[in-house]
Amino acid sequence: MVMAGEKEFVFSSEMEEDSGNEKPARHTACPLNPQDLGDNTDAEHDISPRGTEKRRGSWRFRPHHLFCTGFLPLENLARGEGFSQTIKLIRDLVRRGEEVEFVLHEGPDRLCESCPDFQDGSCRSPAGDEEKVRKWDKRVLEGLGLAYGQRIKAAEFRELIREKAPLEFCRSRCPWRNVCGNFQRPTI
């Protein structure tokens, strides 16, 4: 329940279903094998659409992936099936994860590895190469008051988003701000 003055946590409308506008997949690896998604040695994972309440353990992702994916329409992120499935997983974990912990990871993560613009161990996207992406991660961390390697529960992360979004970086420097849901509604 949202109390007066609190922001509601709402994701982009494309969270549950693809828009149908997805570009043909250029990369077909599906990263939903839990062992491939982080340091999940003691984690139990149910990757079914309604299995979030059963997901537990640590999930390692870049800060801007955790923070930004819920704000961006999926059709703007169409980079193949594996990439789309990982985006949906991140959104679901952030949105509904209860016994989920995120590890704020420096450098490429599994979402990067599922992207066709990830080559030779780094981002080669025209929207932002590895150097720019590392700056985005740093600015998101600073804006949230977090650090690399830090572990944070999904519920705590949701609360930080409610409190701090949009970040100064979002308002002034983010190359995605023209399509970001952060500016169409108060929160993700």
C-alpha atoms as a PDB file:
ATOM      1  CA  MET A   1       0.000   0.000   0.000  1.00  0.00           C
ATOM      2  CA  VAL A   2       1.309   3.459  -0.898  1.00  0.00           C
ATOM      3  CA  MET A   3       0.934   6.081   1.820  1.00  0.00           C
ATOM      4  CA  ALA A   4       0.271   9.757   1.084  1.00  0.00           C
ATOM      5  CA  GLY A   5       3.446  11.399  -0.179  1.00  0.00           C
ATOM      6  CA  GLU A   6       5.130   8.117  -1.113  1.00  0.00           C
ATOM      7  CA  LYS A   7       6.005   7.204  -4.673  1.00  0.00           C
ATOM      8  CA  GLU A   8       4.552   4.053  -6.190  1.00  0.00           C
ATOM      9  CA  PHE A   9       6.977   1.540  -7.673  1.00  0.00           C
ATOM     10  CA  VAL A  10       5.771   1.003 -11.253  1.00  0.00           C
ATOM     11  CA  PHE A  11       7.752  -0.506 -14.086  1.00  0.00           C
ATOM     12  CA  SER A  12       7.564   0.193 -17.765  1.00  0.00           C
ATOM     13  CA  SER A  13       4.413  -1.316 -19.275  1.00  0.00           C
ATOM     14  CA  GLU A  14       6.523  -3.707 -21.346  1.00  0.00           C
ATOM     15  CA  MET A  15       7.712  -5.541 -18.208  1.00  0.00           C
ATOM     16  CA  GLU A  16       5.541  -8.609 -18.646  1.00  0.00           C
ATOM     17  CA  GLU A  17       5.247  -8.986 -22.394  1.00  0.00           C
ATOM     18  CA  ASP A  18       7.331  -8.128 -25.428  1.00  0.00           C
ATOM     19  CA  SER A  19       5.961  -5.305 -27.523  1.00  0.00           C
ATOM     20  CA  GLY A  20       6.270  -7.351 -30.690  1.00  0.00           C
ATOM     21  CA  ASN A  21       8.606  -4.714 -32.140  1.00  0.00           C
ATOM     22  CA  GLU A  22      11.752  -6.560 -31.220  1.00  0.00           C
ATOM     23  CA  LYS A  23      14.514  -6.618 -33.812  1.00  0.00           C
ATOM     24  CA  PRO A  24      15.602 -10.027 -35.045  1.00  0.00           C
ATOM     25  CA  ALA A  25      17.939 -11.674 -32.579  1.00  0.00           C
ATOM     26  CA  ARG A  26      21.584 -11.290 -33.470  1.00  0.00           C
ATOM     27  CA  HIS A  27      22.717 -13.127 -30.336  1.00  0.00           C
ATOM     28  CA  THR A  28      20.871 -16.221 -29.243  1.00  0.00           C
ATOM     29  CA  ALA A  29      22.475 -17.171 -25.928  1.00  0.00           C
ATOM     30  CA  CYS A  30      19.792 -17.339 -23.262  1.00  0.00           C
ATOM     31  CA  PRO A  31      21.391 -16.255 -19.964  1.00  0.00           C
ATOM     32  CA  LEU A  32      18.693 -17.641 -17.689  1.00  0.00           C
ATOM     33  CA  ASN A  33      20.778 -20.499 -16.382  1.00  0.00           C
ATOM     34  CA  PRO A  34      21.104 -19.430 -12.709  1.00  0.00           C
ATOM     35  CA  GLN A  35      24.724 -20.560 -12.519  1.00  0.00           C
ATOM     36  CA  ASP A  36      25.543 -18.028 -15.236  1.00  0.00           C
ATOM     37  CA  LEU A  37      23.941 -15.076 -13.474  1.00  0.00           C
ATOM     38  CA  GLY A  38      26.229 -14.421 -10.557  1.00  0.00           C
ATOM     39  CA  ASP A  39      27.551 -15.867  -7.362  1.00  0.00           C
ATOM     40  CA  ASN A  40      24.564 -18.085  -6.762  1.00  0.00           C
ATOM     41  CA  THR A  41      26.274 -20.963  -4.989  1.00  0.00           C
ATOM     42  CA  ASP A  42      23.653 -21.230  -2.252  1.00  0.00           C
ATOM     43  CA  ALA A  43      20.765 -19.792  -4.239  1.00  0.00           C
ATOM     44  CA  GLU A  44      17.542 -21.467  -5.241  1.00  0.00           C
ATOM     45  CA  HIS A  45      16.131 -20.101  -8.482  1.00  0.00           C
ATOM     46  CA  ASP A  46      12.826 -20.549 -10.203  1.00  0.00           C
ATOM     47  CA  ILE A  47      13.004 -18.698 -13.498  1.00  0.00           C
ATOM     48  CA  SER A  48       9.329 -19.119 -14.347  1.00  0.00           C
ATOM     49  CA  PRO A  49       7.422 -15.836 -14.836  1.00  0.00           C
ATOM     50  CA  ARG A  50       5.606 -16.196 -11.518  1.00  0.00           C
ATOM     51  CA  GLY A  51       8.504 -17.698  -9.563  1.00  0.00           C
ATOM     52  CA  THR A  52      10.029 -14.524  -8.142  1.00  0.00           C
ATOM     53  CA  GLU A  53       8.882 -15.230  -4.602  1.00  0.00           C
ATOM     54  CA  LYS A  54      10.917 -18.470  -4.767  1.00  0.00           C
ATOM     55  CA  ARG A  55      14.093 -16.828  -6.020  1.00  0.00           C
ATOM     56  CA  ARG A  56      16.782 -16.488  -3.420  1.00  0.00           C
ATOM     57  CA  GLY A  57      20.445 -15.766  -3.240  1.00  0.00           C
ATOM     58  CA  SER A  58      22.830 -13.232  -4.666  1.00  0.00           C
ATOM     59  CA  TRP A  59      22.540 -11.816  -8.150  1.00  0.00           C
ATOM     60  CA  ARG A  60      25.488  -9.881  -9.534  1.00  0.00           C
ATOM     61  CA  PHE A  61      24.767  -7.009 -11.930  1.00  0.00           C
ATOM     62  CA  ARG A  62      26.167  -3.645 -12.987  1.00  0.00           C
ATOM     63  CA  PRO A  63      24.606  -0.743 -11.061  1.00  0.00           C
ATOM     64  CA  HIS A  64      23.060   0.936 -14.095  1.00  0.00           C
ATOM     65  CA  HIS A  65      21.500  -2.374 -15.199  1.00  0.00           C
ATOM     66  CA  LEU A  66      19.742  -2.750 -11.861  1.00  0.00           C
ATOM     67  CA  PHE A  67      18.682   0.881 -11.700  1.00  0.00           C
ATOM     68  CA  CYS A  68      17.816   1.680 -15.326  1.00  0.00           C
ATOM     69  CA  THR A  69      16.232  -1.398 -16.903  1.00  0.00           C
ATOM     70  CA  GLY A  70      12.857  -0.830 -15.251  1.00  0.00           C
ATOM     71  CA  PHE A  71      12.588   2.668 -16.672  1.00  0.00           C
ATOM     72  CA  LEU A  72      13.355   1.892 -20.311  1.00  0.00           C
ATOM     73  CA  PRO A  73      10.781   0.518 -22.786  1.00  0.00           C
ATOM     74  CA  LEU A  74      11.782  -2.951 -23.930  1.00  0.00           C
ATOM     75  CA  GLU A  75      11.530  -2.037 -27.611  1.00  0.00           C
ATOM     76  CA  ASN A  76      14.366   0.464 -27.103  1.00  0.00           C
ATOM     77  CA  LEU A  77      16.499  -2.340 -25.702  1.00  0.00           C
ATOM     78  CA  ALA A  78      15.881  -4.963 -28.403  1.00  0.00           C
ATOM     79  CA  ARG A  79      19.199  -6.750 -28.768  1.00  0.00           C
ATOM     80  CA  GLY A  80      18.153 -10.353 -29.088  1.00  0.00           C
ATOM     81  CA  GLU A  81      16.214 -12.930 -27.100  1.00  0.00           C
ATOM     82  CA  GLY A  82      18.900 -13.630 -24.483  1.00  0.00           C
ATOM     83  CA  PHE A  83      19.281  -9.924 -23.761  1.00  0.00           C
ATOM     84  CA  SER A  84      15.510  -9.411 -23.527  1.00  0.00           C
ATOM     85  CA  GLN A  85      15.084 -12.378 -21.190  1.00  0.00           C
ATOM     86  CA  THR A  86      17.823 -11.095 -18.886  1.00  0.00           C
ATOM     87  CA  ILE A  87      16.249  -7.612 -18.848  1.00  0.00           C
ATOM     88  CA  LYS A  88      12.931  -9.175 -17.856  1.00  0.00           C
ATOM     89  CA  LEU A  89      14.647 -11.191 -15.144  1.00  0.00           C
ATOM     90  CA  ILE A  90      16.351  -8.083 -13.710  1.00  0.00           C
ATOM     91  CA  ARG A  91      13.066  -6.158 -13.753  1.00  0.00           C
ATOM     92  CA  ASP A  92      11.289  -9.010 -12.046  1.00  0.00           C
ATOM     93  CA  LEU A  93      13.969  -9.435  -9.373  1.00  0.00           C
ATOM     94  CA  VAL A  94      14.014  -5.714  -8.579  1.00  0.00           C
ATOM     95  CA  ARG A  95      10.259  -5.407  -8.649  1.00  0.00           C
ATOM     96  CA  ARG A  96       9.230  -8.499  -6.689  1.00  0.00           C
ATOM     97  CA  GLY A  97      12.295 -10.142  -5.199  1.00  0.00           C
ATOM     98  CA  GLU A  98      11.998 -10.759  -1.478  1.00  0.00           C
ATOM     99  CA  GLU A  99      14.820 -13.106  -0.525  1.00  0.00           C
ATOM    100  CA  VAL A 100      17.018 -11.645  -3.239  1.00  0.00           C
ATOM    101  CA  GLU A 101      20.273  -9.838  -2.711  1.00  0.00           C
ATOM    102  CA  PHE A 102      22.107  -7.850  -5.366  1.00  0.00           C
ATOM    103  CA  VAL A 103      25.873  -7.537  -5.533  1.00  0.00           C
ATOM    104  CA  LEU A 104      26.870  -4.265  -7.207  1.00  0.00           C
ATOM    105  CA  HIS A 105      29.357  -5.509  -9.765  1.00  0.00           C
ATOM    106  CA  GLU A 106      32.102  -3.487 -11.417  1.00  0.00           C
ATOM    107  CA  GLY A 107      32.508  -4.268 -15.089  1.00  0.00           C
ATOM    108  CA  PRO A 108      30.640  -6.510 -17.515  1.00  0.00           C
ATOM    109  CA  ASP A 109      27.914  -8.772 -16.167  1.00  0.00           C
ATOM    110  CA  ARG A 110      25.654 -11.426 -17.655  1.00  0.00           C
ATOM    111  CA  LEU A 111      23.391  -8.845 -19.310  1.00  0.00           C
ATOM    112  CA  CYS A 112      26.449  -7.473 -21.105  1.00  0.00           C
ATOM    113  CA  GLU A 113      27.450 -10.969 -22.206  1.00  0.00           C
ATOM    114  CA  SER A 114      24.009 -11.550 -23.763  1.00  0.00           C
ATOM    115  CA  CYS A 115      24.266  -8.359 -25.840  1.00  0.00           C
ATOM    116  CA  PRO A 116      25.461  -8.420 -29.465  1.00  0.00           C
ATOM    117  CA  ASP A 117      27.390  -5.179 -28.797  1.00  0.00           C
ATOM    118  CA  PHE A 118      29.556  -6.958 -26.202  1.00  0.00           C
ATOM    119  CA  GLN A 119      32.810  -7.940 -27.908  1.00  0.00           C
ATOM    120  CA  ASP A 120      36.256  -8.890 -26.634  1.00  0.00           C
ATOM    121  CA  GLY A 121      35.161  -8.540 -23.013  1.00  0.00           C
ATOM    122  CA  SER A 122      33.737  -5.036 -23.221  1.00  0.00           C
ATOM    123  CA  CYS A 123      30.820  -2.950 -24.441  1.00  0.00           C
ATOM    124  CA  ARG A 124      31.094  -1.720 -28.032  1.00  0.00           C
ATOM    125  CA  SER A 125      27.640  -0.167 -28.253  1.00  0.00           C
ATOM    126  CA  PRO A 126      27.286   2.984 -30.352  1.00  0.00           C
ATOM    127  CA  ALA A 127      25.165   4.369 -27.468  1.00  0.00           C
ATOM    128  CA  GLY A 128      28.073   4.032 -25.049  1.00  0.00           C
ATOM    129  CA  ASP A 129      31.311   2.071 -25.086  1.00  0.00           C
ATOM    130  CA  GLU A 130      32.835   0.400 -22.018  1.00  0.00           C
ATOM    131  CA  GLU A 131      34.464   3.622 -20.802  1.00  0.00           C
ATOM    132  CA  LYS A 132      31.161   5.521 -20.919  1.00  0.00           C
ATOM    133  CA  VAL A 133      29.239   2.633 -19.360  1.00  0.00           C
ATOM    134  CA  ARG A 134      31.680   2.528 -16.435  1.00  0.00           C
ATOM    135  CA  LYS A 135      31.008   6.236 -15.901  1.00  0.00           C
ATOM    136  CA  TRP A 136      27.239   5.553 -15.921  1.00  0.00           C
ATOM    137  CA  ASP A 137      27.746   2.843 -13.287  1.00  0.00           C
ATOM    138  CA  LYS A 138      29.829   5.178 -11.139  1.00  0.00           C
ATOM    139  CA  ARG A 139      27.253   7.970 -11.360  1.00  0.00           C
ATOM    140  CA  VAL A 140      24.398   5.621 -10.465  1.00  0.00           C
ATOM    141  CA  LEU A 141      26.353   4.350  -7.460  1.00  0.00           C
ATOM    142  CA  GLU A 142      27.117   7.901  -6.340  1.00  0.00           C
ATOM    143  CA  GLY A 143      23.509   8.972  -6.800  1.00  0.00           C
ATOM    144  CA  LEU A 144      22.259   6.058  -4.712  1.00  0.00           C
ATOM    145  CA  GLY A 145      25.009   6.348  -2.102  1.00  0.00           C
ATOM    146  CA  LEU A 146      26.281   2.823  -2.781  1.00  0.00           C
ATOM    147  CA  ALA A 147      29.651   1.223  -3.645  1.00  0.00           C
ATOM    148  CA  TYR A 148      30.987  -1.590  -5.829  1.00  0.00           C
ATOM    149  CA  GLY A 149      30.917  -4.949  -4.132  1.00  0.00           C
ATOM    150  CA  GLN A 150      28.163  -3.835  -1.797  1.00  0.00           C
ATOM    151  CA  ARG A 151      25.316  -6.263  -1.201  1.00  0.00           C
ATOM    152  CA  ILE A 152      21.791  -4.905  -0.980  1.00  0.00           C
ATOM    153  CA  LYS A 153      18.446  -6.639  -0.577  1.00  0.00           C
ATOM    154  CA  ALA A 154      15.928  -6.126  -3.382  1.00  0.00           C
ATOM    155  CA  ALA A 155      13.458  -4.445  -1.005  1.00  0.00           C
ATOM    156  CA  GLU A 156      16.140  -1.956   0.110  1.00  0.00           C
ATOM    157  CA  PHE A 157      17.045  -1.282  -3.510  1.00  0.00           C
ATOM    158  CA  ARG A 158      13.391  -0.597  -4.358  1.00  0.00           C
ATOM    159  CA  GLU A 159      13.215   1.867  -1.466  1.00  0.00           C
ATOM    160  CA  LEU A 160      16.346   3.673  -2.696  1.00  0.00           C
ATOM    161  CA  ILE A 161      14.766   4.028  -6.132  1.00  0.00           C
ATOM    162  CA  ARG A 162      11.587   5.442  -4.578  1.00  0.00           C
ATOM    163  CA  GLU A 163      13.616   7.954  -2.591  1.00  0.00           C
ATOM    164  CA  LYS A 164      16.186   9.039  -5.159  1.00  0.00           C
ATOM    165  CA  ALA A 165      14.897   8.631  -8.719  1.00  0.00           C
ATOM    166  CA  PRO A 166      15.497  10.424 -10.953  1.00  0.00           C
ATOM    167  CA  LEU A 167      19.171  10.861 -10.124  1.00  0.00           C
ATOM    168  CA  GLU A 168      21.076  13.994 -11.107  1.00  0.00           C
ATOM    169  CA  PHE A 169      22.841  11.897 -13.747  1.00  0.00           C
ATOM    170  CA  CYS A 170      19.430  10.945 -15.172  1.00  0.00           C
ATOM    171  CA  ARG A 171      18.403  14.583 -15.465  1.00  0.00           C
ATOM    172  CA  SER A 172      21.599  15.968 -16.908  1.00  0.00           C
ATOM    173  CA  ARG A 173      23.784  13.371 -18.642  1.00  0.00           C
ATOM    174  CA  CYS A 174      21.969  10.144 -19.435  1.00  0.00           C
ATOM    175  CA  PRO A 175      21.821   9.476 -23.206  1.00  0.00           C
ATOM    176  CA  TRP A 176      18.531   7.558 -22.724  1.00  0.00           C
ATOM    177  CA  ARG A 177      16.599  10.346 -20.966  1.00  0.00           C
ATOM    178  CA  ASN A 178      14.441  11.038 -24.023  1.00  0.00           C
ATOM    179  CA  VAL A 179      12.832   7.567 -23.720  1.00  0.00           C
ATOM    180  CA  CYS A 180      13.273   6.983 -19.995  1.00  0.00           C
ATOM    181  CA  GLY A 181      10.111   6.316 -17.979  1.00  0.00           C
ATOM    182  CA  ASN A 182      11.785   8.083 -15.070  1.00  0.00           C
ATOM    183  CA  PHE A 183      10.604  11.335 -16.667  1.00  0.00           C
ATOM    184  CA  GLN A 184       7.130  10.200 -17.725  1.00  0.00           C
ATOM    185  CA  ARG A 185       6.099   9.205 -14.189  1.00  0.00           C
ATOM    186  CA  PRO A 186       7.596   9.776 -10.745  1.00  0.00           C
ATOM    187  CA  THR A 187       9.166   6.319 -10.357  1.00  0.00           C
ATOM    188  CA  ILE A 188       9.797   3.068 -12.163  1.00  0.00           C
END
